[in-house]
Amino acid sequence: MVIQDRDHLIQWLKDKFGESRRIIGKVKTGHVLEIFVSKKGTWTVLITTPEGITMLTSSGDAWQEFELEEMKEPKKESKQLEMET
């Protein structure tokens, strides 16, 4: 794991691998998870703590993306219990 200034890491990923941020999300703990990907298929995961510490936690190649499937509501079963109000 590499701990570094976030701006420095992002610039290094861009210059060295041609990676740019593709995904960002917030974890329940308040950490921010970012995935950087290049057109060549390399990828890197950065996690930033609520205190602002950024860590490069994993990287690899052969990145692939898939279309999101439409999410559907689960079917209700006829024997399902109803909550009392």
N, C-alpha and C. Protein backbone atom coordinates (compact mmCIF):
# COMPACT_ATOMS: atom_id res chain seq x y z
N MET A 1 0.85 -1.17 0.00
CA MET A 1 0.00 0.00 0.00
C MET A 1 0.89 1.24 0.00
N VAL A 2 0.53 2.21 -0.83
CA VAL A 2 1.28 3.45 -0.93
C VAL A 2 0.44 4.58 -0.34
N ILE A 3 1.03 5.36 0.56
CA ILE A 3 0.35 6.52 1.13
C ILE A 3 1.07 7.75 0.60
N GLN A 4 0.30 8.66 0.01
CA GLN A 4 0.90 9.81 -0.67
C GLN A 4 -0.12 10.94 -0.73
N ASP A 5 0.33 12.13 -1.04
CA ASP A 5 -0.56 13.25 -1.28
C ASP A 5 -1.50 12.90 -2.44
N ARG A 6 -2.81 13.09 -2.25
CA ARG A 6 -3.80 12.69 -3.25
C ARG A 6 -3.55 13.34 -4.61
N ASP A 7 -3.32 14.65 -4.63
CA ASP A 7 -3.08 15.34 -5.91
C ASP A 7 -1.86 14.78 -6.61
N HIS A 8 -0.82 14.48 -5.85
CA HIS A 8 0.41 13.90 -6.42
C HIS A 8 0.12 12.52 -7.02
N LEU A 9 -0.63 11.68 -6.30
CA LEU A 9 -0.97 10.35 -6.81
C LEU A 9 -1.79 10.43 -8.09
N ILE A 10 -2.77 11.32 -8.12
CA ILE A 10 -3.62 11.45 -9.31
C ILE A 10 -2.80 11.91 -10.51
N GLN A 11 -1.92 12.85 -10.31
CA GLN A 11 -1.07 13.33 -11.42
C GLN A 11 -0.13 12.22 -11.89
N TRP A 12 0.42 11.45 -10.95
CA TRP A 12 1.31 10.34 -11.29
C TRP A 12 0.57 9.28 -12.10
N LEU A 13 -0.68 8.95 -11.70
CA LEU A 13 -1.47 7.96 -12.45
C LEU A 13 -1.75 8.45 -13.87
N LYS A 14 -2.02 9.72 -14.01
CA LYS A 14 -2.27 10.30 -15.34
C LYS A 14 -1.01 10.28 -16.20
N ASP A 15 0.11 10.74 -15.64
CA ASP A 15 1.36 10.84 -16.40
C ASP A 15 1.96 9.47 -16.73
N LYS A 16 1.97 8.57 -15.77
CA LYS A 16 2.64 7.28 -15.94
C LYS A 16 1.79 6.25 -16.70
N PHE A 17 0.47 6.24 -16.43
CA PHE A 17 -0.39 5.20 -17.00
C PHE A 17 -1.53 5.71 -17.88
N GLY A 18 -1.72 7.04 -17.90
CA GLY A 18 -2.84 7.59 -18.66
C GLY A 18 -4.18 7.31 -18.01
N GLU A 19 -4.18 7.12 -16.68
CA GLU A 19 -5.42 6.79 -15.97
C GLU A 19 -6.16 8.05 -15.53
N SER A 20 -7.47 7.97 -15.57
CA SER A 20 -8.32 9.04 -15.05
C SER A 20 -9.43 8.40 -14.22
N ARG A 21 -10.02 9.21 -13.35
CA ARG A 21 -11.04 8.67 -12.44
C ARG A 21 -12.27 8.23 -13.23
N ARG A 22 -12.71 7.01 -12.95
CA ARG A 22 -13.87 6.44 -13.62
C ARG A 22 -15.02 6.24 -12.65
N ILE A 23 -14.70 5.93 -11.39
CA ILE A 23 -15.72 5.61 -10.39
C ILE A 23 -15.34 6.27 -9.07
N ILE A 24 -16.36 6.75 -8.36
CA ILE A 24 -16.14 7.29 -7.01
C ILE A 24 -17.33 6.89 -6.15
N GLY A 25 -17.07 6.56 -4.89
CA GLY A 25 -18.15 6.20 -3.98
C GLY A 25 -17.71 6.43 -2.54
N LYS A 26 -18.68 6.61 -1.68
CA LYS A 26 -18.39 6.82 -0.26
C LYS A 26 -18.74 5.56 0.51
N VAL A 27 -17.83 5.13 1.36
CA VAL A 27 -18.00 3.94 2.19
C VAL A 27 -18.67 4.37 3.50
N LYS A 28 -19.37 3.45 4.16
CA LYS A 28 -20.08 3.77 5.41
C LYS A 28 -19.17 4.42 6.45
N THR A 29 -17.90 4.09 6.45
CA THR A 29 -16.96 4.64 7.43
C THR A 29 -16.58 6.08 7.11
N GLY A 30 -17.03 6.60 5.97
CA GLY A 30 -16.67 7.96 5.57
C GLY A 30 -15.50 8.01 4.61
N HIS A 31 -14.87 6.88 4.36
CA HIS A 31 -13.78 6.82 3.39
C HIS A 31 -14.34 7.01 1.98
N VAL A 32 -13.53 7.57 1.10
CA VAL A 32 -13.92 7.73 -0.30
C VAL A 32 -13.09 6.76 -1.13
N LEU A 33 -13.76 5.95 -1.94
CA LEU A 33 -13.10 4.98 -2.81
C LEU A 33 -13.17 5.50 -4.25
N GLU A 34 -12.03 5.52 -4.93
CA GLU A 34 -11.97 5.97 -6.31
C GLU A 34 -11.26 4.92 -7.15
N ILE A 35 -11.75 4.71 -8.36
CA ILE A 35 -11.09 3.80 -9.29
C ILE A 35 -10.68 4.60 -10.52
N PHE A 36 -9.40 4.51 -10.85
CA PHE A 36 -8.84 5.20 -12.02
C PHE A 36 -8.54 4.14 -13.07
N VAL A 37 -8.86 4.44 -14.33
CA VAL A 37 -8.71 3.46 -15.42
C VAL A 37 -8.11 4.16 -16.63
N SER A 38 -7.29 3.41 -17.37
CA SER A 38 -6.72 3.94 -18.62
C SER A 38 -7.38 3.26 -19.82
N LYS A 39 -7.19 3.84 -20.98
CA LYS A 39 -7.71 3.24 -22.22
C LYS A 39 -7.03 1.91 -22.52
N LYS A 40 -5.83 1.70 -21.98
CA LYS A 40 -5.10 0.44 -22.19
C LYS A 40 -5.59 -0.67 -21.25
N GLY A 41 -6.46 -0.31 -20.28
CA GLY A 41 -7.01 -1.31 -19.37
C GLY A 41 -6.35 -1.40 -18.02
N THR A 42 -5.36 -0.53 -17.74
CA THR A 42 -4.78 -0.53 -16.40
C THR A 42 -5.75 0.16 -15.46
N TRP A 43 -5.71 -0.21 -14.18
CA TRP A 43 -6.60 0.38 -13.20
C TRP A 43 -5.92 0.49 -11.85
N THR A 44 -6.39 1.45 -11.04
CA THR A 44 -5.84 1.68 -9.71
C THR A 44 -6.96 2.08 -8.77
N VAL A 45 -6.91 1.57 -7.54
CA VAL A 45 -7.88 1.92 -6.51
C VAL A 45 -7.21 2.82 -5.48
N LEU A 46 -7.82 3.99 -5.25
CA LEU A 46 -7.38 4.90 -4.19
C LEU A 46 -8.47 4.97 -3.14
N ILE A 47 -8.06 5.00 -1.87
CA ILE A 47 -9.00 5.21 -0.77
C ILE A 47 -8.49 6.39 0.04
N THR A 48 -9.40 7.33 0.31
CA THR A 48 -9.05 8.51 1.10
C THR A 48 -9.86 8.47 2.38
N THR A 49 -9.18 8.62 3.51
CA THR A 49 -9.83 8.59 4.82
C THR A 49 -10.54 9.92 5.07
N PRO A 50 -11.45 9.95 6.05
CA PRO A 50 -12.09 11.22 6.41
C PRO A 50 -11.09 12.28 6.85
N GLU A 51 -9.92 11.85 7.31
CA GLU A 51 -8.87 12.79 7.74
C GLU A 51 -8.04 13.30 6.57
N GLY A 52 -8.30 12.78 5.35
CA GLY A 52 -7.59 13.27 4.16
C GLY A 52 -6.36 12.48 3.76
N ILE A 53 -6.13 11.32 4.38
CA ILE A 53 -4.99 10.48 4.02
C ILE A 53 -5.40 9.60 2.84
N THR A 54 -4.61 9.64 1.75
CA THR A 54 -4.93 8.87 0.55
C THR A 54 -3.98 7.70 0.42
N MET A 55 -4.56 6.51 0.15
CA MET A 55 -3.78 5.28 0.00
C MET A 55 -4.07 4.64 -1.34
N LEU A 56 -3.01 4.22 -2.03
CA LEU A 56 -3.15 3.41 -3.23
C LEU A 56 -3.20 1.98 -2.73
N THR A 57 -4.37 1.34 -2.85
CA THR A 57 -4.55 0.04 -2.23
C THR A 57 -4.40 -1.14 -3.17
N SER A 58 -4.68 -0.94 -4.46
CA SER A 58 -4.50 -2.04 -5.42
C SER A 58 -4.48 -1.48 -6.83
N SER A 59 -3.92 -2.28 -7.73
CA SER A 59 -3.85 -1.89 -9.14
C SER A 59 -3.73 -3.15 -9.99
N GLY A 60 -4.00 -2.99 -11.27
CA GLY A 60 -3.91 -4.15 -12.15
C GLY A 60 -4.13 -3.76 -13.60
N ASP A 61 -4.47 -4.76 -14.40
CA ASP A 61 -4.74 -4.50 -15.81
C ASP A 61 -5.94 -5.33 -16.26
N ALA A 62 -6.26 -5.27 -17.53
CA ALA A 62 -7.38 -6.00 -18.12
C ALA A 62 -8.73 -5.55 -17.56
N TRP A 63 -8.87 -4.25 -17.28
CA TRP A 63 -10.13 -3.70 -16.79
C TRP A 63 -11.22 -3.92 -17.83
N GLN A 64 -12.40 -4.31 -17.38
CA GLN A 64 -13.55 -4.50 -18.26
C GLN A 64 -14.76 -3.85 -17.62
N GLU A 65 -15.61 -3.29 -18.44
CA GLU A 65 -16.84 -2.69 -17.94
C GLU A 65 -18.03 -3.38 -18.57
N PHE A 66 -19.10 -3.47 -17.81
CA PHE A 66 -20.33 -4.09 -18.28
C PHE A 66 -21.46 -3.10 -18.07
N GLU A 67 -22.49 -3.22 -18.90
CA GLU A 67 -23.66 -2.37 -18.74
C GLU A 67 -24.41 -2.80 -17.48
N LEU A 68 -24.93 -1.83 -16.76
CA LEU A 68 -25.73 -2.14 -15.58
C LEU A 68 -27.06 -2.73 -16.01
N GLU A 69 -27.46 -3.78 -15.34
CA GLU A 69 -28.76 -4.37 -15.62
C GLU A 69 -29.82 -3.57 -14.86
N GLU A 70 -31.00 -3.48 -15.45
CA GLU A 70 -32.07 -2.76 -14.80
C GLU A 70 -32.45 -3.48 -13.51
N MET A 71 -32.52 -2.72 -12.45
CA MET A 71 -32.89 -3.31 -11.16
C MET A 71 -34.40 -3.36 -11.06
N LYS A 72 -34.92 -4.49 -10.64
CA LYS A 72 -36.36 -4.67 -10.51
C LYS A 72 -36.72 -4.92 -9.05
N GLU A 73 -37.90 -4.50 -8.68
CA GLU A 73 -38.41 -4.74 -7.33
C GLU A 73 -38.65 -6.24 -7.17
N PRO A 74 -38.33 -6.82 -6.01
CA PRO A 74 -38.62 -8.24 -5.79
C PRO A 74 -40.12 -8.49 -5.80
N LYS A 75 -40.51 -9.66 -6.30
CA LYS A 75 -41.92 -10.02 -6.32
C LYS A 75 -42.39 -10.32 -4.91
N LYS A 76 -43.61 -9.87 -4.60
CA LYS A 76 -44.17 -10.15 -3.27
C LYS A 76 -44.80 -11.53 -3.29
N GLU A 77 -44.52 -12.28 -2.24
CA GLU A 77 -45.13 -13.60 -2.12
C GLU A 77 -46.49 -13.47 -1.46
N SER A 78 -47.42 -14.31 -1.85
CA SER A 78 -48.78 -14.23 -1.31
C SER A 78 -48.83 -14.51 0.18
N LYS A 79 -47.87 -15.26 0.71
CA LYS A 79 -47.86 -15.60 2.13
C LYS A 79 -47.03 -14.62 2.96
N GLN A 80 -46.61 -13.51 2.33
CA GLN A 80 -45.77 -12.54 3.03
C GLN A 80 -46.54 -11.87 4.17
N LEU A 81 -45.93 -11.77 5.33
CA LEU A 81 -46.58 -11.13 6.47
C LEU A 81 -46.51 -9.63 6.32
N GLU A 82 -47.56 -8.93 6.71
CA GLU A 82 -47.58 -7.49 6.67
C GLU A 82 -47.22 -6.96 8.04
N MET A 83 -46.50 -5.84 8.05
CA MET A 83 -46.13 -5.21 9.30
C MET A 83 -47.34 -4.51 9.89
N GLU A 84 -47.50 -4.58 11.22
CA GLU A 84 -48.59 -3.89 11.88
C GLU A 84 -48.19 -2.43 12.05
N THR A 85 -49.15 -1.54 11.87
CA THR A 85 -48.85 -0.11 12.04
C THR A 85 -49.43 0.43 13.31
